[in-house]
Amino acid sequence: MIKSKVKILLIYTGGTIGMVKDFKTGSLKAFNFKNLLDRIPELQLLDCNIDTVSFKTPIDSSDMHPKYWVQIAEIIETNYKDFDGFVILHGSDTMSYSASALSFMLENLAKPVVFTGSQLPIGDLRTDAKENLITSIQVASLQSEGKPVVKEVCLYFEYKLYRGNRTTKLNAEHFQAFVSSNYPDLAESGVHLKINTEYLFQPNTSKPLKVNKTLDENIAVVRLYPGISKVVLEHIFNVSSLKAVIIETFGAGNCTTEPWFINLLSEAILKGVYIVNVTQCSGGSVLMGHYETSSALKKIGVISGKDMTTEAAIAKLMFLLSKNISSNTFKTKYETALRGEMT
């Protein structure tokens, strides 16, 4: 019996990777992804069949919004049975947010969903788009004993495959734009594609895919800094529809011990607003109570974001707030790794 080729669906949402230069005007424009093989003939060397679907109107990733996450999730849901893997072409600026969100939205995911993009357009002489795209498709088509090797939402950029909800965009100029400070690379592309199997997420594949399409956006993110104003924070916490606030604290989760600050947080928690503590450092973890400057936060019931990125913390909040769960369960659930987003 001839083994059928692996089927990959390429989803284009927008971003630099899908642009070509109009040599008459010098401006960048999106190209038709149906002509992908003409642009990158090397794709024919991959042992898989590639199909493409594109957003009706491709968007700049700066315009990314939860409604577009739902759109991506629905494309995957509709085509889930017909394809073995999915590659999402996306602008790099908000890619970590989208990859984090999709990791929570796609419950019991048993197939690869690989986000990728580029710093230079696909038609540029020195583009990074070709390598990123070719290797992302290769990763999505990897099989072992007839089953996908990767079964999670990940992000591929500049020779490295990362867990999507562990990434942050760190550089706007270098080809190596992303980092995963608190979790090892899932794979590295060199002369050979080296998969670090011990770090791959192992989901419960006995359950069918469940797509969570409701996200609650009534949250705020506050980055602490020396001299942060009481008036500013009061205005944020007094927003009537506010359900949760992420505070980006110093170091291992530390903050000012000024009584007005702790009281403000305490009052918000008593009103039912969830407060999540993540570190503003690019690497490391929140350890509430480790220093005196975070003991008060632990005492009043602030939720620990542990070593989550801000992007993952936002996505997890939006996901869990839509679940209508009790406050006690919420804290436990939030402090538990659901998709490998925290250690």
C-alpha atoms as a PDB file:
ATOM      1  CA  MET A   1       0.000   0.000   0.000  1.00  0.00           C
ATOM      2  CA  ILE A   2       1.375   3.425  -0.974  1.00  0.00           C
ATOM      3  CA  LYS A   3       1.550   5.757   2.011  1.00  0.00           C
ATOM      4  CA  SER A   4      -0.395   8.949   1.342  1.00  0.00           C
ATOM      5  CA  LYS A   5       1.501  12.228   1.603  1.00  0.00           C
ATOM      6  CA  VAL A   6       1.201  14.386   4.702  1.00  0.00           C
ATOM      7  CA  LYS A   7      -1.223  17.268   4.139  1.00  0.00           C
ATOM      8  CA  ILE A   8      -0.338  20.750   5.420  1.00  0.00           C
ATOM      9  CA  LEU A   9      -2.619  23.770   5.476  1.00  0.00           C
ATOM     10  CA  LEU A  10      -0.912  27.144   5.181  1.00  0.00           C
ATOM     11  CA  ILE A  11      -2.938  29.976   6.722  1.00  0.00           C
ATOM     12  CA  TYR A  12      -1.939  33.510   5.731  1.00  0.00           C
ATOM     13  CA  THR A  13      -3.174  36.226   8.091  1.00  0.00           C
ATOM     14  CA  GLY A  14      -0.899  39.033   6.882  1.00  0.00           C
ATOM     15  CA  GLY A  15       2.525  40.354   7.786  1.00  0.00           C
ATOM     16  CA  THR A  16       5.853  40.971   6.088  1.00  0.00           C
ATOM     17  CA  ILE A  17       6.375  37.335   5.027  1.00  0.00           C
ATOM     18  CA  GLY A  18       3.553  37.539   2.489  1.00  0.00           C
ATOM     19  CA  MET A  19       4.726  40.735   0.863  1.00  0.00           C
ATOM     20  CA  VAL A  20       6.507  41.324  -2.427  1.00  0.00           C
ATOM     21  CA  LYS A  21       7.935  44.563  -3.733  1.00  0.00           C
ATOM     22  CA  ASP A  22       6.122  46.270  -6.575  1.00  0.00           C
ATOM     23  CA  PHE A  23       9.164  47.303  -8.635  1.00  0.00           C
ATOM     24  CA  LYS A  24       7.207  50.071 -10.362  1.00  0.00           C
ATOM     25  CA  THR A  25       6.139  51.835  -7.170  1.00  0.00           C
ATOM     26  CA  GLY A  26       8.706  50.475  -4.696  1.00  0.00           C
ATOM     27  CA  SER A  27       5.939  49.709  -2.168  1.00  0.00           C
ATOM     28  CA  LEU A  28       5.160  46.348  -0.571  1.00  0.00           C
ATOM     29  CA  LYS A  29       1.995  44.452  -1.459  1.00  0.00           C
ATOM     30  CA  ALA A  30       0.543  41.074  -0.497  1.00  0.00           C
ATOM     31  CA  PHE A  31       0.966  38.357  -3.125  1.00  0.00           C
ATOM     32  CA  ASN A  32      -1.453  35.598  -4.047  1.00  0.00           C
ATOM     33  CA  PHE A  33      -0.620  32.529  -1.970  1.00  0.00           C
ATOM     34  CA  LYS A  34      -2.038  30.269  -4.644  1.00  0.00           C
ATOM     35  CA  ASN A  35       1.202  31.098  -6.512  1.00  0.00           C
ATOM     36  CA  LEU A  36       3.361  30.039  -3.576  1.00  0.00           C
ATOM     37  CA  LEU A  37       5.175  27.240  -5.434  1.00  0.00           C
ATOM     38  CA  ASP A  38       6.178  29.704  -8.147  1.00  0.00           C
ATOM     39  CA  ARG A  39       7.785  31.944  -5.533  1.00  0.00           C
ATOM     40  CA  ILE A  40       9.417  29.114  -3.562  1.00  0.00           C
ATOM     41  CA  PRO A  41      10.004  26.121  -5.895  1.00  0.00           C
ATOM     42  CA  GLU A  42      12.027  24.451  -3.080  1.00  0.00           C
ATOM     43  CA  LEU A  43       8.711  23.576  -1.412  1.00  0.00           C
ATOM     44  CA  GLN A  44       8.263  20.894  -4.082  1.00  0.00           C
ATOM     45  CA  LEU A  45      11.183  19.032  -2.483  1.00  0.00           C
ATOM     46  CA  LEU A  46       9.171  18.544   0.728  1.00  0.00           C
ATOM     47  CA  ASP A  47       7.367  15.221   0.948  1.00  0.00           C
ATOM     48  CA  CYS A  48       3.950  16.736   1.611  1.00  0.00           C
ATOM     49  CA  ASN A  49       0.944  18.291  -0.068  1.00  0.00           C
ATOM     50  CA  ILE A  50       0.433  21.976   0.726  1.00  0.00           C
ATOM     51  CA  ASP A  51      -2.889  23.755   0.539  1.00  0.00           C
ATOM     52  CA  THR A  52      -3.371  27.454   1.255  1.00  0.00           C
ATOM     53  CA  VAL A  53      -6.046  29.685   2.718  1.00  0.00           C
ATOM     54  CA  SER A  54      -5.776  33.416   3.258  1.00  0.00           C
ATOM     55  CA  PHE A  55      -7.628  36.010   5.310  1.00  0.00           C
ATOM     56  CA  LYS A  56     -10.001  37.841   2.959  1.00  0.00           C
ATOM     57  CA  THR A  57      -8.214  41.051   3.920  1.00  0.00           C
ATOM     58  CA  PRO A  58      -4.680  40.357   5.237  1.00  0.00           C
ATOM     59  CA  ILE A  59      -3.925  42.441   8.333  1.00  0.00           C
ATOM     60  CA  ASP A  60      -0.832  44.005   9.810  1.00  0.00           C
ATOM     61  CA  SER A  61      -0.098  42.158  13.041  1.00  0.00           C
ATOM     62  CA  SER A  62      -0.321  45.463  14.949  1.00  0.00           C
ATOM     63  CA  ASP A  63      -4.059  45.282  14.199  1.00  0.00           C
ATOM     64  CA  MET A  64      -4.310  41.775  15.669  1.00  0.00           C
ATOM     65  CA  HIS A  65      -7.413  41.298  17.849  1.00  0.00           C
ATOM     66  CA  PRO A  66      -9.107  38.360  19.631  1.00  0.00           C
ATOM     67  CA  LYS A  67     -11.727  38.247  16.829  1.00  0.00           C
ATOM     68  CA  TYR A  68      -8.911  37.271  14.428  1.00  0.00           C
ATOM     69  CA  TRP A  69      -7.722  34.577  16.853  1.00  0.00           C
ATOM     70  CA  VAL A  70     -11.216  33.123  16.655  1.00  0.00           C
ATOM     71  CA  GLN A  71     -11.001  33.292  12.853  1.00  0.00           C
ATOM     72  CA  ILE A  72      -7.702  31.356  12.842  1.00  0.00           C
ATOM     73  CA  ALA A  73      -9.101  28.800  15.334  1.00  0.00           C
ATOM     74  CA  GLU A  74     -12.195  28.284  13.177  1.00  0.00           C
ATOM     75  CA  ILE A  75     -10.076  27.679  10.043  1.00  0.00           C
ATOM     76  CA  ILE A  76      -8.154  25.004  11.981  1.00  0.00           C
ATOM     77  CA  GLU A  77     -11.376  23.524  13.386  1.00  0.00           C
ATOM     78  CA  THR A  78     -13.015  23.313   9.930  1.00  0.00           C
ATOM     79  CA  ASN A  79      -9.955  21.665   8.360  1.00  0.00           C
ATOM     80  CA  TYR A  80      -8.744  19.653  11.344  1.00  0.00           C
ATOM     81  CA  LYS A  81      -9.734  16.213  10.048  1.00  0.00           C
ATOM     82  CA  ASP A  82      -8.443  16.818   6.524  1.00  0.00           C
ATOM     83  CA  PHE A  83      -4.936  18.039   7.376  1.00  0.00           C
ATOM     84  CA  ASP A  84      -2.005  16.663   9.372  1.00  0.00           C
ATOM     85  CA  GLY A  85      -0.507  20.021  10.333  1.00  0.00           C
ATOM     86  CA  PHE A  86      -1.042  23.776  10.129  1.00  0.00           C
ATOM     87  CA  VAL A  87       1.379  26.619   9.434  1.00  0.00           C
ATOM     88  CA  ILE A  88       0.200  30.146  10.262  1.00  0.00           C
ATOM     89  CA  LEU A  89       1.906  33.050   8.525  1.00  0.00           C
ATOM     90  CA  HIS A  90       1.669  36.054  10.792  1.00  0.00           C
ATOM     91  CA  GLY A  91       3.346  39.432  11.349  1.00  0.00           C
ATOM     92  CA  SER A  92       6.078  39.131  13.955  1.00  0.00           C
ATOM     93  CA  ASP A  93       5.047  42.065  16.190  1.00  0.00           C
ATOM     94  CA  THR A  94       2.136  40.271  17.902  1.00  0.00           C
ATOM     95  CA  MET A  95       2.978  36.689  16.972  1.00  0.00           C
ATOM     96  CA  SER A  96       3.754  35.675  20.574  1.00  0.00           C
ATOM     97  CA  TYR A  97       0.331  36.951  21.695  1.00  0.00           C
ATOM     98  CA  SER A  98      -1.445  34.988  18.947  1.00  0.00           C
ATOM     99  CA  ALA A  99       0.552  31.796  19.543  1.00  0.00           C
ATOM    100  CA  SER A 100      -0.198  32.041  23.287  1.00  0.00           C
ATOM    101  CA  ALA A 101      -3.914  32.623  22.676  1.00  0.00           C
ATOM    102  CA  LEU A 102      -4.246  29.737  20.203  1.00  0.00           C
ATOM    103  CA  SER A 103      -2.523  27.381  22.667  1.00  0.00           C
ATOM    104  CA  PHE A 104      -5.394  27.915  25.127  1.00  0.00           C
ATOM    105  CA  MET A 105      -8.147  28.051  22.521  1.00  0.00           C
ATOM    106  CA  LEU A 106      -7.179  24.723  20.914  1.00  0.00           C
ATOM    107  CA  GLU A 107      -7.867  22.231  23.702  1.00  0.00           C
ATOM    108  CA  ASN A 108      -6.695  18.603  23.273  1.00  0.00           C
ATOM    109  CA  LEU A 109      -4.708  19.626  20.196  1.00  0.00           C
ATOM    110  CA  ALA A 110      -3.045  16.527  18.719  1.00  0.00           C
ATOM    111  CA  LYS A 111      -1.488  18.095  15.610  1.00  0.00           C
ATOM    112  CA  PRO A 112       1.191  20.750  14.992  1.00  0.00           C
ATOM    113  CA  VAL A 113       0.216  24.404  14.653  1.00  0.00           C
ATOM    114  CA  VAL A 114       3.343  26.362  13.685  1.00  0.00           C
ATOM    115  CA  PHE A 115       3.434  30.165  13.647  1.00  0.00           C
ATOM    116  CA  THR A 116       6.071  31.813  11.496  1.00  0.00           C
ATOM    117  CA  GLY A 117       6.824  35.041   9.699  1.00  0.00           C
ATOM    118  CA  SER A 118       9.829  37.068   8.638  1.00  0.00           C
ATOM    119  CA  GLN A 119      11.710  40.295   9.133  1.00  0.00           C
ATOM    120  CA  LEU A 120      12.085  40.860   5.368  1.00  0.00           C
ATOM    121  CA  PRO A 121       9.500  40.270   2.581  1.00  0.00           C
ATOM    122  CA  ILE A 122       9.515  37.000   0.645  1.00  0.00           C
ATOM    123  CA  GLY A 123      10.657  38.759  -2.545  1.00  0.00           C
ATOM    124  CA  ASP A 124      13.606  40.502  -0.912  1.00  0.00           C
ATOM    125  CA  LEU A 125      17.094  39.420  -1.943  1.00  0.00           C
ATOM    126  CA  ARG A 126      18.238  38.781   1.647  1.00  0.00           C
ATOM    127  CA  THR A 127      14.905  37.553   2.980  1.00  0.00           C
ATOM    128  CA  ASP A 128      14.601  35.237   5.961  1.00  0.00           C
ATOM    129  CA  ALA A 129      11.088  34.301   4.792  1.00  0.00           C
ATOM    130  CA  LYS A 130      12.028  31.286   2.664  1.00  0.00           C
ATOM    131  CA  GLU A 131      13.953  29.430   5.367  1.00  0.00           C
ATOM    132  CA  ASN A 132      11.347  30.202   8.031  1.00  0.00           C
ATOM    133  CA  LEU A 133       8.523  28.997   5.797  1.00  0.00           C
ATOM    134  CA  ILE A 134      10.244  25.873   4.440  1.00  0.00           C
ATOM    135  CA  THR A 135      11.362  24.649   7.882  1.00  0.00           C
ATOM    136  CA  SER A 136       7.975  25.462   9.476  1.00  0.00           C
ATOM    137  CA  ILE A 137       6.265  23.271   6.875  1.00  0.00           C
ATOM    138  CA  GLN A 138       8.877  20.565   7.448  1.00  0.00           C
ATOM    139  CA  VAL A 139       8.250  20.695  11.236  1.00  0.00           C
ATOM    140  CA  ALA A 140       4.477  20.538  10.694  1.00  0.00           C
ATOM    141  CA  SER A 141       4.857  17.489   8.436  1.00  0.00           C
ATOM    142  CA  LEU A 142       7.097  15.453  10.786  1.00  0.00           C
ATOM    143  CA  GLN A 143       5.560  12.049  11.532  1.00  0.00           C
ATOM    144  CA  SER A 144       6.541   9.067  13.653  1.00  0.00           C
ATOM    145  CA  GLU A 145       4.655   5.788  13.207  1.00  0.00           C
ATOM    146  CA  GLY A 146       1.945   7.629  11.297  1.00  0.00           C
ATOM    147  CA  LYS A 147       1.376  10.257  14.004  1.00  0.00           C
ATOM    148  CA  PRO A 148       2.579  13.871  14.279  1.00  0.00           C
ATOM    149  CA  VAL A 149       5.812  14.395  16.225  1.00  0.00           C
ATOM    150  CA  VAL A 150       4.759  17.891  17.360  1.00  0.00           C
ATOM    151  CA  LYS A 151       1.342  18.202  19.022  1.00  0.00           C
ATOM    152  CA  GLU A 152       1.230  21.799  20.199  1.00  0.00           C
ATOM    153  CA  VAL A 153       1.146  25.433  19.141  1.00  0.00           C
ATOM    154  CA  CYS A 154       4.696  26.518  18.449  1.00  0.00           C
ATOM    155  CA  LEU A 155       6.635  29.323  16.805  1.00  0.00           C
ATOM    156  CA  TYR A 156       9.479  28.909  14.332  1.00  0.00           C
ATOM    157  CA  PHE A 157      11.890  31.737  13.591  1.00  0.00           C
ATOM    158  CA  GLU A 158      15.531  31.911  12.522  1.00  0.00           C
ATOM    159  CA  TYR A 159      16.560  28.253  12.920  1.00  0.00           C
ATOM    160  CA  LYS A 160      14.702  27.670  16.197  1.00  0.00           C
ATOM    161  CA  LEU A 161      11.372  26.120  17.119  1.00  0.00           C
ATOM    162  CA  TYR A 162       9.867  27.388  20.373  1.00  0.00           C
ATOM    163  CA  ARG A 163       6.766  26.595  22.411  1.00  0.00           C
ATOM    164  CA  GLY A 164       4.469  29.418  21.294  1.00  0.00           C
ATOM    165  CA  ASN A 165       3.236  30.445  24.732  1.00  0.00           C
ATOM    166  CA  ARG A 166       6.809  30.745  26.017  1.00  0.00           C
ATOM    167  CA  THR A 167       7.983  33.326  23.479  1.00  0.00           C
ATOM    168  CA  THR A 168       8.484  37.087  23.431  1.00  0.00           C
ATOM    169  CA  LYS A 169       9.583  39.264  20.539  1.00  0.00           C
ATOM    170  CA  LEU A 170      12.805  40.865  21.690  1.00  0.00           C
ATOM    171  CA  ASN A 171      14.328  42.410  18.593  1.00  0.00           C
ATOM    172  CA  ALA A 172      12.857  44.415  15.714  1.00  0.00           C
ATOM    173  CA  GLU A 173      16.010  44.401  13.562  1.00  0.00           C
ATOM    174  CA  HIS A 174      17.777  41.060  13.939  1.00  0.00           C
ATOM    175  CA  PHE A 175      16.615  37.933  12.120  1.00  0.00           C
ATOM    176  CA  GLN A 176      16.625  36.219  15.521  1.00  0.00           C
ATOM    177  CA  ALA A 177      13.636  38.223  16.731  1.00  0.00           C
ATOM    178  CA  PHE A 178      12.244  35.904  19.419  1.00  0.00           C
ATOM    179  CA  VAL A 179      13.400  34.431  22.719  1.00  0.00           C
ATOM    180  CA  SER A 180      12.078  31.733  25.003  1.00  0.00           C
ATOM    181  CA  SER A 181      13.934  32.648  28.193  1.00  0.00           C
ATOM    182  CA  ASN A 182      12.253  30.198  30.550  1.00  0.00           C
ATOM    183  CA  TYR A 183      11.881  27.115  28.354  1.00  0.00           C
ATOM    184  CA  PRO A 184      14.334  25.245  26.086  1.00  0.00           C
ATOM    185  CA  ASP A 185      14.018  25.226  22.281  1.00  0.00           C
ATOM    186  CA  LEU A 186      11.820  22.451  20.904  1.00  0.00           C
ATOM    187  CA  ALA A 187      14.026  22.087  17.836  1.00  0.00           C
ATOM    188  CA  GLU A 188      17.000  23.605  16.083  1.00  0.00           C
ATOM    189  CA  SER A 189      17.563  23.723  12.355  1.00  0.00           C
ATOM    190  CA  GLY A 190      21.111  23.348  11.119  1.00  0.00           C
ATOM    191  CA  VAL A 191      22.594  20.854   8.667  1.00  0.00           C
ATOM    192  CA  HIS A 192      20.018  18.524  10.270  1.00  0.00           C
ATOM    193  CA  LEU A 193      16.709  19.329  11.951  1.00  0.00           C
ATOM    194  CA  LYS A 194      17.311  18.372  15.585  1.00  0.00           C
ATOM    195  CA  ILE A 195      14.115  17.790  17.577  1.00  0.00           C
ATOM    196  CA  ASN A 196      14.414  17.966  21.366  1.00  0.00           C
ATOM    197  CA  THR A 197      11.681  15.391  21.976  1.00  0.00           C
ATOM    198  CA  GLU A 198      11.987  15.534  25.780  1.00  0.00           C
ATOM    199  CA  TYR A 199      10.719  19.145  25.736  1.00  0.00           C
ATOM    200  CA  LEU A 200       7.720  18.580  23.456  1.00  0.00           C
ATOM    201  CA  PHE A 201       4.251  18.954  24.995  1.00  0.00           C
ATOM    202  CA  GLN A 202       2.410  15.662  25.472  1.00  0.00           C
ATOM    203  CA  PRO A 203      -1.324  16.399  25.369  1.00  0.00           C
ATOM    204  CA  ASN A 204      -4.226  14.137  26.206  1.00  0.00           C
ATOM    205  CA  THR A 205      -4.850  12.830  22.692  1.00  0.00           C
ATOM    206  CA  SER A 206      -7.690  10.524  23.745  1.00  0.00           C
ATOM    207  CA  LYS A 207     -10.080  13.483  23.767  1.00  0.00           C
ATOM    208  CA  PRO A 208     -11.310  15.203  20.600  1.00  0.00           C
ATOM    209  CA  LEU A 209     -10.227  18.737  19.711  1.00  0.00           C
ATOM    210  CA  LYS A 210     -12.261  21.356  21.545  1.00  0.00           C
ATOM    211  CA  VAL A 211     -12.091  24.917  20.232  1.00  0.00           C
ATOM    212  CA  ASN A 212     -12.720  27.657  22.804  1.00  0.00           C
ATOM    213  CA  LYS A 213     -14.004  30.666  20.875  1.00  0.00           C
ATOM    214  CA  THR A 214     -15.005  32.952  23.744  1.00  0.00           C
ATOM    215  CA  LEU A 215     -12.381  35.284  25.194  1.00  0.00           C
ATOM    216  CA  ASP A 216     -12.954  37.966  27.832  1.00  0.00           C
ATOM    217  CA  GLU A 217     -11.074  41.186  27.065  1.00  0.00           C
ATOM    218  CA  ASN A 218     -11.936  43.064  30.298  1.00  0.00           C
ATOM    219  CA  ILE A 219      -8.382  43.098  31.588  1.00  0.00           C
ATOM    220  CA  ALA A 220      -5.556  45.596  32.070  1.00  0.00           C
ATOM    221  CA  VAL A 221      -1.772  45.336  32.203  1.00  0.00           C
ATOM    222  CA  VAL A 222       0.176  47.635  34.525  1.00  0.00           C
ATOM    223  CA  ARG A 223       3.948  47.842  34.380  1.00  0.00           C
ATOM    224  CA  LEU A 224       5.277  49.041  37.729  1.00  0.00           C
ATOM    225  CA  TYR A 225       7.983  51.695  37.864  1.00  0.00           C
ATOM    226  CA  PRO A 226       9.510  53.774  40.660  1.00  0.00           C
ATOM    227  CA  GLY A 227       7.142  56.675  41.350  1.00  0.00           C
ATOM    228  CA  ILE A 228       4.021  55.125  39.810  1.00  0.00           C
ATOM    229  CA  SER A 229       1.081  57.388  40.585  1.00  0.00           C
ATOM    230  CA  LYS A 230      -1.726  56.487  42.971  1.00  0.00           C
ATOM    231  CA  VAL A 231      -4.185  58.555  40.903  1.00  0.00           C
ATOM    232  CA  VAL A 232      -3.339  56.687  37.683  1.00  0.00           C
ATOM    233  CA  LEU A 233      -3.748  53.285  39.344  1.00  0.00           C
ATOM    234  CA  GLU A 234      -7.026  54.322  40.983  1.00  0.00           C
ATOM    235  CA  HIS A 235      -8.424  55.249  37.581  1.00  0.00           C
ATOM    236  CA  ILE A 236      -7.441  51.863  36.150  1.00  0.00           C
ATOM    237  CA  PHE A 237      -8.907  49.907  39.071  1.00  0.00           C
ATOM    238  CA  ASN A 238     -12.135  51.933  38.969  1.00  0.00           C
ATOM    239  CA  VAL A 239     -13.005  50.906  35.396  1.00  0.00           C
ATOM    240  CA  SER A 240     -16.485  49.429  35.846  1.00  0.00           C
ATOM    241  CA  SER A 241     -16.085  46.429  33.506  1.00  0.00           C
ATOM    242  CA  LEU A 242     -12.620  45.469  34.801  1.00  0.00           C
ATOM    243  CA  LYS A 243     -12.291  41.789  35.742  1.00  0.00           C
ATOM    244  CA  ALA A 244      -8.542  41.268  36.062  1.00  0.00           C
ATOM    245  CA  VAL A 245      -5.231  43.144  36.153  1.00  0.00           C
ATOM    246  CA  ILE A 246      -1.763  41.835  35.362  1.00  0.00           C
ATOM    247  CA  ILE A 247       0.922  43.699  37.262  1.00  0.00           C
ATOM    248  CA  GLU A 248       4.434  43.474  35.860  1.00  0.00           C
ATOM    249  CA  THR A 249       6.551  43.628  38.997  1.00  0.00           C
ATOM    250  CA  PHE A 250      10.279  43.931  39.676  1.00  0.00           C
ATOM    251  CA  GLY A 251      12.633  40.956  39.838  1.00  0.00           C
ATOM    252  CA  ALA A 252      11.110  37.888  41.452  1.00  0.00           C
ATOM    253  CA  GLY A 253       7.680  39.508  41.831  1.00  0.00           C
ATOM    254  CA  ASN A 254       8.532  42.447  44.092  1.00  0.00           C
ATOM    255  CA  CYS A 255       6.714  45.774  44.382  1.00  0.00           C
ATOM    256  CA  THR A 256       6.500  48.897  46.503  1.00  0.00           C
ATOM    257  CA  THR A 257       5.365  48.308  50.098  1.00  0.00           C
ATOM    258  CA  GLU A 258       3.626  51.715  50.277  1.00  0.00           C
ATOM    259  CA  PRO A 259       0.364  51.152  52.238  1.00  0.00           C
ATOM    260  CA  TRP A 260      -1.779  52.941  49.582  1.00  0.00           C
ATOM    261  CA  PHE A 261      -0.568  50.509  46.908  1.00  0.00           C
ATOM    262  CA  ILE A 262      -1.238  47.340  48.890  1.00  0.00           C
ATOM    263  CA  ASN A 263      -4.626  48.704  50.053  1.00  0.00           C
ATOM    264  CA  LEU A 264      -5.638  49.525  46.482  1.00  0.00           C
ATOM    265  CA  LEU A 265      -4.859  45.981  45.350  1.00  0.00           C
ATOM    266  CA  SER A 266      -6.547  44.473  48.390  1.00  0.00           C
ATOM    267  CA  GLU A 267      -9.747  46.478  47.807  1.00  0.00           C
ATOM    268  CA  ALA A 268      -9.821  45.417  44.151  1.00  0.00           C
ATOM    269  CA  ILE A 269      -9.451  41.731  45.102  1.00  0.00           C
ATOM    270  CA  LEU A 270     -12.289  42.050  47.652  1.00  0.00           C
ATOM    271  CA  LYS A 271     -14.461  43.480  44.839  1.00  0.00           C
ATOM    272  CA  GLY A 272     -13.769  40.352  42.779  1.00  0.00           C
ATOM    273  CA  VAL A 273     -11.010  41.658  40.484  1.00  0.00           C
ATOM    274  CA  TYR A 274      -8.273  39.085  39.890  1.00  0.00           C
ATOM    275  CA  ILE A 275      -4.712  40.386  40.143  1.00  0.00           C
ATOM    276  CA  VAL A 276      -1.905  38.411  38.517  1.00  0.00           C
ATOM    277  CA  ASN A 277       1.779  38.977  39.302  1.00  0.00           C
ATOM    278  CA  VAL A 278       4.316  38.471  36.481  1.00  0.00           C
ATOM    279  CA  THR A 279       7.901  39.663  36.376  1.00  0.00           C
ATOM    280  CA  GLN A 280       8.932  42.408  33.976  1.00  0.00           C
ATOM    281  CA  CYS A 281      12.296  40.663  33.590  1.00  0.00           C
ATOM    282  CA  SER A 282      12.666  38.793  30.288  1.00  0.00           C
ATOM    283  CA  GLY A 283      13.717  35.654  32.200  1.00  0.00           C
ATOM    284  CA  GLY A 284      13.059  34.241  35.655  1.00  0.00           C
ATOM    285  CA  SER A 285      10.025  33.605  37.811  1.00  0.00           C
ATOM    286  CA  VAL A 286       7.736  35.252  40.346  1.00  0.00           C
ATOM    287  CA  LEU A 287       8.433  33.886  43.857  1.00  0.00           C
ATOM    288  CA  MET A 288       5.945  35.679  46.086  1.00  0.00           C
ATOM    289  CA  GLY A 289       7.026  35.734  49.725  1.00  0.00           C
ATOM    290  CA  HIS A 290      10.673  35.107  48.856  1.00  0.00           C
ATOM    291  CA  TYR A 291      11.406  38.761  49.663  1.00  0.00           C
ATOM    292  CA  GLU A 292       9.570  40.967  52.134  1.00  0.00           C
ATOM    293  CA  THR A 293       8.575  43.241  49.210  1.00  0.00           C
ATOM    294  CA  SER A 294       6.274  40.534  47.835  1.00  0.00           C
ATOM    295  CA  SER A 295       4.981  38.978  51.073  1.00  0.00           C
ATOM    296  CA  ALA A 296       2.076  41.444  51.268  1.00  0.00           C
ATOM    297  CA  LEU A 297       0.940  40.470  47.733  1.00  0.00           C
ATOM    298  CA  LYS A 298       0.816  36.811  48.729  1.00  0.00           C
ATOM    299  CA  LYS A 299      -1.125  37.653  51.890  1.00  0.00           C
ATOM    300  CA  ILE A 300      -3.889  39.605  50.102  1.00  0.00           C
ATOM    301  CA  GLY A 301      -4.449  36.866  47.483  1.00  0.00           C
ATOM    302  CA  VAL A 302      -2.561  38.036  44.411  1.00  0.00           C
ATOM    303  CA  ILE A 303      -2.238  35.216  41.852  1.00  0.00           C
ATOM    304  CA  SER A 304       1.278  34.119  40.906  1.00  0.00           C
ATOM    305  CA  GLY A 305       2.065  34.123  37.195  1.00  0.00           C
ATOM    306  CA  LYS A 306       5.244  32.173  38.050  1.00  0.00           C
ATOM    307  CA  ASP A 307       7.527  32.173  34.986  1.00  0.00           C
ATOM    308  CA  MET A 308       4.878  33.014  32.398  1.00  0.00           C
ATOM    309  CA  THR A 309       5.450  35.669  29.775  1.00  0.00           C
ATOM    310  CA  THR A 310       3.125  38.680  29.825  1.00  0.00           C
ATOM    311  CA  GLU A 311       1.759  37.491  26.454  1.00  0.00           C
ATOM    312  CA  ALA A 312       0.827  34.093  27.889  1.00  0.00           C
ATOM    313  CA  ALA A 313      -0.546  35.686  31.087  1.00  0.00           C
ATOM    314  CA  ILE A 314      -2.895  37.860  28.999  1.00  0.00           C
ATOM    315  CA  ALA A 315      -4.082  34.955  26.837  1.00  0.00           C
ATOM    316  CA  LYS A 316      -4.641  32.693  29.854  1.00  0.00           C
ATOM    317  CA  LEU A 317      -6.666  35.403  31.608  1.00  0.00           C
ATOM    318  CA  MET A 318      -8.893  35.983  28.580  1.00  0.00           C
ATOM    319  CA  PHE A 319      -9.418  32.231  28.284  1.00  0.00           C
ATOM    320  CA  LEU A 320     -10.172  31.494  31.963  1.00  0.00           C
ATOM    321  CA  LEU A 321     -12.347  34.598  32.522  1.00  0.00           C
ATOM    322  CA  SER A 322     -14.712  33.303  29.848  1.00  0.00           C
ATOM    323  CA  LYS A 323     -15.134  30.026  31.750  1.00  0.00           C
ATOM    324  CA  ASN A 324     -17.339  31.428  34.539  1.00  0.00           C
ATOM    325  CA  ILE A 325     -15.510  29.582  37.341  1.00  0.00           C
ATOM    326  CA  SER A 326     -15.468  30.387  41.063  1.00  0.00           C
ATOM    327  CA  SER A 327     -12.722  32.655  42.444  1.00  0.00           C
ATOM    328  CA  ASN A 328     -11.102  29.840  44.469  1.00  0.00           C
ATOM    329  CA  THR A 329     -11.016  27.536  41.445  1.00  0.00           C
ATOM    330  CA  PHE A 330      -9.795  30.407  39.252  1.00  0.00           C
ATOM    331  CA  LYS A 331      -6.644  30.991  41.349  1.00  0.00           C
ATOM    332  CA  THR A 332      -5.827  27.260  41.432  1.00  0.00           C
ATOM    333  CA  LYS A 333      -6.444  26.875  37.705  1.00  0.00           C
ATOM    334  CA  TYR A 334      -4.420  29.972  36.809  1.00  0.00           C
ATOM    335  CA  GLU A 335      -1.431  28.815  38.872  1.00  0.00           C
ATOM    336  CA  THR A 336      -1.529  25.389  37.165  1.00  0.00           C
ATOM    337  CA  ALA A 337       0.142  24.703  33.820  1.00  0.00           C
ATOM    338  CA  LEU A 338      -2.568  24.010  31.247  1.00  0.00           C
ATOM    339  CA  ARG A 339      -0.542  24.028  27.981  1.00  0.00           C
ATOM    340  CA  GLY A 340       3.045  24.024  29.206  1.00  0.00           C
ATOM    341  CA  GLU A 341       2.961  27.813  29.621  1.00  0.00           C
ATOM    342  CA  MET A 342       4.577  27.725  33.056  1.00  0.00           C
ATOM    343  CA  THR A 343       7.113  25.518  34.803  1.00  0.00           C
END
